Amino acid sequence: MIQKKVCMIGAFATGKTSLVARFVKGLYSDKYQTTIGVKIDKKQVALGEQTINMVLWDIYGEDEFQNIKMSYLRGTAGYLLVVDGTRRETLEIAVQLQAKVEKNIGPIPFVLIVNKFDLQAEWEISDEDLAPLQHRGWSILKGSAKTAQGVEDSFLQLAQMLMAPKLTSLAQA
């Protein structure tokens, strides 16, 4: 079995912990839980005949008082960049975090998930806001930890990105 470290990064209160809970345990809670430091979970994902053990590092959110420690990202194979659709500034923070990660770790696979689709009527982020990022080649999904929409797809898409070289070499063998 292949094991990959995956980090959850984004601004504070974007739903990183809720996305992990929904993906790993199928649970959602309306209670807000601030992450202090890092919380680690695991989930096995089957991709064809391959199984990947995703070790999920749920890292505290970035805000004006604290920046994400790049040391938490050491050894990560990829990450989910989480944005709160109801707060435009979380997209700006995500763009800055992606640049910081690429500068410090290098270009590694990531998926941007715009969370809280269940509150779409309150969204401050539009498709026009996301278009320039899609043009840069970013993989962007919309989802909701509350309703589970797009959650599994986001993690599976990242898992496929992490395994793409491996799957390609297996196909050529």
C-alpha atoms as a PDB file:
ATOM      1  CA  MET A   1       0.000   0.000   0.000  1.00  0.00           C
ATOM      2  CA  ILE A   2       1.181   3.490  -0.836  1.00  0.00           C
ATOM      3  CA  GLN A   3       1.049   6.171   1.859  1.00  0.00           C
ATOM      4  CA  LYS A   4       0.855   9.898   1.081  1.00  0.00           C
ATOM      5  CA  LYS A   5       0.838  12.887   3.405  1.00  0.00           C
ATOM      6  CA  VAL A   6      -1.865  15.393   2.469  1.00  0.00           C
ATOM      7  CA  CYS A   7      -2.243  18.767   4.156  1.00  0.00           C
ATOM      8  CA  MET A   8      -5.392  20.829   4.593  1.00  0.00           C
ATOM      9  CA  ILE A   9      -4.521  24.505   4.348  1.00  0.00           C
ATOM     10  CA  GLY A  10      -6.412  27.768   4.119  1.00  0.00           C
ATOM     11  CA  ALA A  11      -7.613  30.706   6.162  1.00  0.00           C
ATOM     12  CA  PHE A  12      -9.197  30.190   9.580  1.00  0.00           C
ATOM     13  CA  ALA A  13     -12.823  28.953   9.688  1.00  0.00           C
ATOM     14  CA  THR A  14     -12.998  27.799   6.067  1.00  0.00           C
ATOM     15  CA  GLY A  15     -14.150  24.307   7.037  1.00  0.00           C
ATOM     16  CA  LYS A  16     -10.916  22.307   6.801  1.00  0.00           C
ATOM     17  CA  THR A  17     -11.699  20.224   9.898  1.00  0.00           C
ATOM     18  CA  SER A  18     -15.298  19.699   8.775  1.00  0.00           C
ATOM     19  CA  LEU A  19     -14.149  18.518   5.329  1.00  0.00           C
ATOM     20  CA  VAL A  20     -11.790  15.986   6.910  1.00  0.00           C
ATOM     21  CA  ALA A  21     -14.500  14.754   9.309  1.00  0.00           C
ATOM     22  CA  ARG A  22     -16.964  14.390   6.422  1.00  0.00           C
ATOM     23  CA  PHE A  23     -14.428  12.541   4.256  1.00  0.00           C
ATOM     24  CA  VAL A  24     -12.964  10.249   6.935  1.00  0.00           C
ATOM     25  CA  LYS A  25     -15.976   9.577   9.171  1.00  0.00           C
ATOM     26  CA  GLY A  26     -18.966  10.750   7.134  1.00  0.00           C
ATOM     27  CA  LEU A  27     -19.835  13.178   9.935  1.00  0.00           C
ATOM     28  CA  TYR A  28     -20.666  16.869  10.123  1.00  0.00           C
ATOM     29  CA  SER A  29     -21.153  19.092  13.160  1.00  0.00           C
ATOM     30  CA  ASP A  30     -22.412  22.671  13.257  1.00  0.00           C
ATOM     31  CA  LYS A  31     -20.165  23.310  16.268  1.00  0.00           C
ATOM     32  CA  TYR A  32     -17.108  25.339  15.301  1.00  0.00           C
ATOM     33  CA  GLN A  33     -13.863  23.753  16.434  1.00  0.00           C
ATOM     34  CA  THR A  34     -10.699  25.796  16.203  1.00  0.00           C
ATOM     35  CA  THR A  35      -7.722  23.665  15.237  1.00  0.00           C
ATOM     36  CA  ILE A  36      -4.695  24.262  17.405  1.00  0.00           C
ATOM     37  CA  GLY A  37      -1.537  23.072  15.698  1.00  0.00           C
ATOM     38  CA  VAL A  38      -2.252  19.953  13.631  1.00  0.00           C
ATOM     39  CA  LYS A  39      -4.826  17.169  13.804  1.00  0.00           C
ATOM     40  CA  ILE A  40      -3.970  13.991  11.893  1.00  0.00           C
ATOM     41  CA  ASP A  41      -6.436  11.497  10.396  1.00  0.00           C
ATOM     42  CA  LYS A  42      -6.095   8.654   7.899  1.00  0.00           C
ATOM     43  CA  LYS A  43      -8.253   7.191   5.169  1.00  0.00           C
ATOM     44  CA  GLN A  44      -7.597   4.507   2.590  1.00  0.00           C
ATOM     45  CA  VAL A  45      -8.720   5.242  -0.945  1.00  0.00           C
ATOM     46  CA  ALA A  46      -8.909   2.709  -3.759  1.00  0.00           C
ATOM     47  CA  LEU A  47      -7.813   3.916  -7.183  1.00  0.00           C
ATOM     48  CA  GLY A  48      -8.262   1.075  -9.609  1.00  0.00           C
ATOM     49  CA  GLU A  49      -6.113  -1.747  -8.292  1.00  0.00           C
ATOM     50  CA  GLN A  50      -3.988   0.604  -6.193  1.00  0.00           C
ATOM     51  CA  THR A  51      -4.794   1.595  -2.623  1.00  0.00           C
ATOM     52  CA  ILE A  52      -3.488   4.829  -1.211  1.00  0.00           C
ATOM     53  CA  ASN A  53      -3.391   5.538   2.508  1.00  0.00           C
ATOM     54  CA  MET A  54      -3.999   9.269   2.791  1.00  0.00           C
ATOM     55  CA  VAL A  55      -2.508  10.713   5.984  1.00  0.00           C
ATOM     56  CA  LEU A  56      -4.455  13.953   6.392  1.00  0.00           C
ATOM     57  CA  TRP A  57      -2.808  16.799   8.276  1.00  0.00           C
ATOM     58  CA  ASP A  58      -5.494  19.314   9.269  1.00  0.00           C
ATOM     59  CA  ILE A  59      -3.416  22.431   9.920  1.00  0.00           C
ATOM     60  CA  TYR A  60      -4.694  25.465  11.837  1.00  0.00           C
ATOM     61  CA  GLY A  61      -6.004  28.293   9.663  1.00  0.00           C
ATOM     62  CA  GLU A  62      -3.972  31.277   8.642  1.00  0.00           C
ATOM     63  CA  ASP A  63      -5.111  34.726   9.748  1.00  0.00           C
ATOM     64  CA  GLU A  64      -3.653  38.125  10.571  1.00  0.00           C
ATOM     65  CA  PHE A  65      -2.299  36.803  13.887  1.00  0.00           C
ATOM     66  CA  GLN A  66      -0.617  33.577  12.811  1.00  0.00           C
ATOM     67  CA  ASN A  67       0.971  32.193   9.675  1.00  0.00           C
ATOM     68  CA  ILE A  68       1.136  28.538   8.783  1.00  0.00           C
ATOM     69  CA  LYS A  69       4.480  27.015   9.688  1.00  0.00           C
ATOM     70  CA  MET A  70       6.073  25.682   6.535  1.00  0.00           C
ATOM     71  CA  SER A  71       7.663  22.913   8.634  1.00  0.00           C
ATOM     72  CA  TYR A  72       4.180  21.331   8.910  1.00  0.00           C
ATOM     73  CA  LEU A  73       4.229  20.891   5.139  1.00  0.00           C
ATOM     74  CA  ARG A  74       7.563  19.075   5.056  1.00  0.00           C
ATOM     75  CA  GLY A  75       7.131  15.714   3.345  1.00  0.00           C
ATOM     76  CA  THR A  76       3.672  16.474   2.005  1.00  0.00           C
ATOM     77  CA  ALA A  77       2.768  14.938  -1.339  1.00  0.00           C
ATOM     78  CA  GLY A  78      -0.124  17.330  -1.969  1.00  0.00           C
ATOM     79  CA  TYR A  79      -2.718  19.496  -0.331  1.00  0.00           C
ATOM     80  CA  LEU A  80      -6.295  20.675  -0.324  1.00  0.00           C
ATOM     81  CA  LEU A  81      -6.476  24.452  -0.393  1.00  0.00           C
ATOM     82  CA  VAL A  82      -9.754  25.369   1.318  1.00  0.00           C
ATOM     83  CA  VAL A  83     -11.708  28.573   0.726  1.00  0.00           C
ATOM     84  CA  ASP A  84     -14.963  29.742   2.344  1.00  0.00           C
ATOM     85  CA  GLY A  85     -17.285  30.822  -0.472  1.00  0.00           C
ATOM     86  CA  THR A  86     -19.017  33.290   1.859  1.00  0.00           C
ATOM     87  CA  ARG A  87     -15.777  35.190   2.594  1.00  0.00           C
ATOM     88  CA  ARG A  88     -13.886  36.696  -0.360  1.00  0.00           C
ATOM     89  CA  GLU A  89     -10.746  37.335   1.706  1.00  0.00           C
ATOM     90  CA  THR A  90     -10.269  33.577   2.147  1.00  0.00           C
ATOM     91  CA  LEU A  91      -9.668  33.275  -1.606  1.00  0.00           C
ATOM     92  CA  GLU A  92      -7.007  35.976  -1.425  1.00  0.00           C
ATOM     93  CA  ILE A  93      -5.357  34.168   1.504  1.00  0.00           C
ATOM     94  CA  ALA A  94      -5.497  30.886  -0.442  1.00  0.00           C
ATOM     95  CA  VAL A  95      -3.727  32.441  -3.434  1.00  0.00           C
ATOM     96  CA  GLN A  96      -1.001  33.772  -1.101  1.00  0.00           C
ATOM     97  CA  LEU A  97      -0.685  30.388   0.648  1.00  0.00           C
ATOM     98  CA  GLN A  98      -0.360  28.540  -2.657  1.00  0.00           C
ATOM     99  CA  ALA A  99       2.465  30.871  -3.712  1.00  0.00           C
ATOM    100  CA  LYS A 100       4.161  30.425  -0.316  1.00  0.00           C
ATOM    101  CA  VAL A 101       3.896  26.629  -0.511  1.00  0.00           C
ATOM    102  CA  GLU A 102       5.260  26.554  -4.053  1.00  0.00           C
ATOM    103  CA  LYS A 103       8.153  28.832  -3.071  1.00  0.00           C
ATOM    104  CA  ASN A 104       9.075  26.758  -0.007  1.00  0.00           C
ATOM    105  CA  ILE A 105       8.206  23.190  -1.075  1.00  0.00           C
ATOM    106  CA  GLY A 106       8.044  23.379  -4.856  1.00  0.00           C
ATOM    107  CA  PRO A 107       5.195  22.611  -7.238  1.00  0.00           C
ATOM    108  CA  ILE A 108       3.192  19.747  -5.752  1.00  0.00           C
ATOM    109  CA  PRO A 109      -0.366  18.632  -6.561  1.00  0.00           C
ATOM    110  CA  PHE A 110      -3.225  20.504  -4.940  1.00  0.00           C
ATOM    111  CA  VAL A 111      -6.957  20.980  -5.309  1.00  0.00           C
ATOM    112  CA  LEU A 112      -8.771  24.176  -4.395  1.00  0.00           C
ATOM    113  CA  ILE A 113     -12.168  23.507  -2.825  1.00  0.00           C
ATOM    114  CA  VAL A 114     -14.572  26.397  -2.388  1.00  0.00           C
ATOM    115  CA  ASN A 115     -16.479  25.193   0.664  1.00  0.00           C
ATOM    116  CA  LYS A 116     -19.917  26.066   2.053  1.00  0.00           C
ATOM    117  CA  PHE A 117     -21.856  25.534  -1.187  1.00  0.00           C
ATOM    118  CA  ASP A 118     -24.923  24.982   1.004  1.00  0.00           C
ATOM    119  CA  LEU A 119     -24.744  28.751   1.641  1.00  0.00           C
ATOM    120  CA  GLN A 120     -24.377  29.664  -2.036  1.00  0.00           C
ATOM    121  CA  ALA A 121     -26.903  32.513  -1.741  1.00  0.00           C
ATOM    122  CA  GLU A 122     -24.408  34.205   0.616  1.00  0.00           C
ATOM    123  CA  TRP A 123     -21.325  33.603  -1.512  1.00  0.00           C
ATOM    124  CA  GLU A 124     -18.941  36.494  -2.130  1.00  0.00           C
ATOM    125  CA  ILE A 125     -16.862  34.443  -4.589  1.00  0.00           C
ATOM    126  CA  SER A 126     -18.091  34.117  -8.162  1.00  0.00           C
ATOM    127  CA  ASP A 127     -17.070  31.992 -11.136  1.00  0.00           C
ATOM    128  CA  GLU A 128     -15.436  35.150 -12.545  1.00  0.00           C
ATOM    129  CA  ASP A 129     -13.222  35.314  -9.440  1.00  0.00           C
ATOM    130  CA  LEU A 130     -12.145  31.693  -9.989  1.00  0.00           C
ATOM    131  CA  ALA A 131     -11.619  31.919 -13.782  1.00  0.00           C
ATOM    132  CA  PRO A 132      -8.053  33.374 -13.629  1.00  0.00           C
ATOM    133  CA  LEU A 133      -7.016  30.526 -11.323  1.00  0.00           C
ATOM    134  CA  GLN A 134      -8.511  27.932 -13.662  1.00  0.00           C
ATOM    135  CA  HIS A 135      -6.566  29.552 -16.512  1.00  0.00           C
ATOM    136  CA  ARG A 136      -3.411  29.004 -14.435  1.00  0.00           C
ATOM    137  CA  GLY A 137      -4.251  25.301 -14.374  1.00  0.00           C
ATOM    138  CA  TRP A 138      -5.693  25.121 -10.872  1.00  0.00           C
ATOM    139  CA  SER A 139      -8.096  22.286 -10.174  1.00  0.00           C
ATOM    140  CA  ILE A 140     -11.126  23.911  -8.528  1.00  0.00           C
ATOM    141  CA  LEU A 141     -14.195  22.244  -7.054  1.00  0.00           C
ATOM    142  CA  LYS A 142     -17.176  23.590  -5.148  1.00  0.00           C
ATOM    143  CA  GLY A 143     -18.367  21.668  -2.142  1.00  0.00           C
ATOM    144  CA  SER A 144     -20.026  21.575   1.219  1.00  0.00           C
ATOM    145  CA  ALA A 145     -18.844  19.732   4.293  1.00  0.00           C
ATOM    146  CA  LYS A 146     -22.396  20.099   5.620  1.00  0.00           C
ATOM    147  CA  THR A 147     -24.175  18.366   2.700  1.00  0.00           C
ATOM    148  CA  ALA A 148     -21.138  16.296   1.576  1.00  0.00           C
ATOM    149  CA  GLN A 149     -21.405  17.720  -1.938  1.00  0.00           C
ATOM    150  CA  GLY A 150     -18.017  17.662  -3.675  1.00  0.00           C
ATOM    151  CA  VAL A 151     -16.116  16.436  -0.608  1.00  0.00           C
ATOM    152  CA  GLU A 152     -15.335  12.894  -1.782  1.00  0.00           C
ATOM    153  CA  ASP A 153     -14.638  14.217  -5.291  1.00  0.00           C
ATOM    154  CA  SER A 154     -12.072  16.720  -3.982  1.00  0.00           C
ATOM    155  CA  PHE A 155     -10.105  14.127  -2.029  1.00  0.00           C
ATOM    156  CA  LEU A 156     -10.342  11.541  -4.818  1.00  0.00           C
ATOM    157  CA  GLN A 157      -9.188  14.047  -7.420  1.00  0.00           C
ATOM    158  CA  LEU A 158      -6.180  14.893  -5.273  1.00  0.00           C
ATOM    159  CA  ALA A 159      -5.469  11.176  -4.721  1.00  0.00           C
ATOM    160  CA  GLN A 160      -5.526  10.642  -8.491  1.00  0.00           C
ATOM    161  CA  MET A 161      -3.144  13.559  -8.967  1.00  0.00           C
ATOM    162  CA  LEU A 162      -0.799  12.075  -6.354  1.00  0.00           C
ATOM    163  CA  MET A 163      -0.874   8.697  -8.048  1.00  0.00           C
ATOM    164  CA  ALA A 164      -0.801   9.882 -11.676  1.00  0.00           C
ATOM    165  CA  PRO A 165       2.922   9.128 -12.239  1.00  0.00           C
ATOM    166  CA  LYS A 166       2.541   5.779 -10.467  1.00  0.00           C
ATOM    167  CA  LEU A 167      -0.561   4.822 -12.476  1.00  0.00           C
ATOM    168  CA  THR A 168       1.110   5.867 -15.721  1.00  0.00           C
ATOM    169  CA  SER A 169       4.205   3.753 -15.009  1.00  0.00           C
ATOM    170  CA  LEU A 170       1.984   0.778 -14.115  1.00  0.00           C
ATOM    171  CA  ALA A 171       0.108   1.134 -17.405  1.00  0.00           C
ATOM    172  CA  GLN A 172       3.394   1.113 -19.338  1.00  0.00           C
ATOM    173  CA  ALA A 173       4.723  -1.978 -17.522  1.00  0.00           C
END
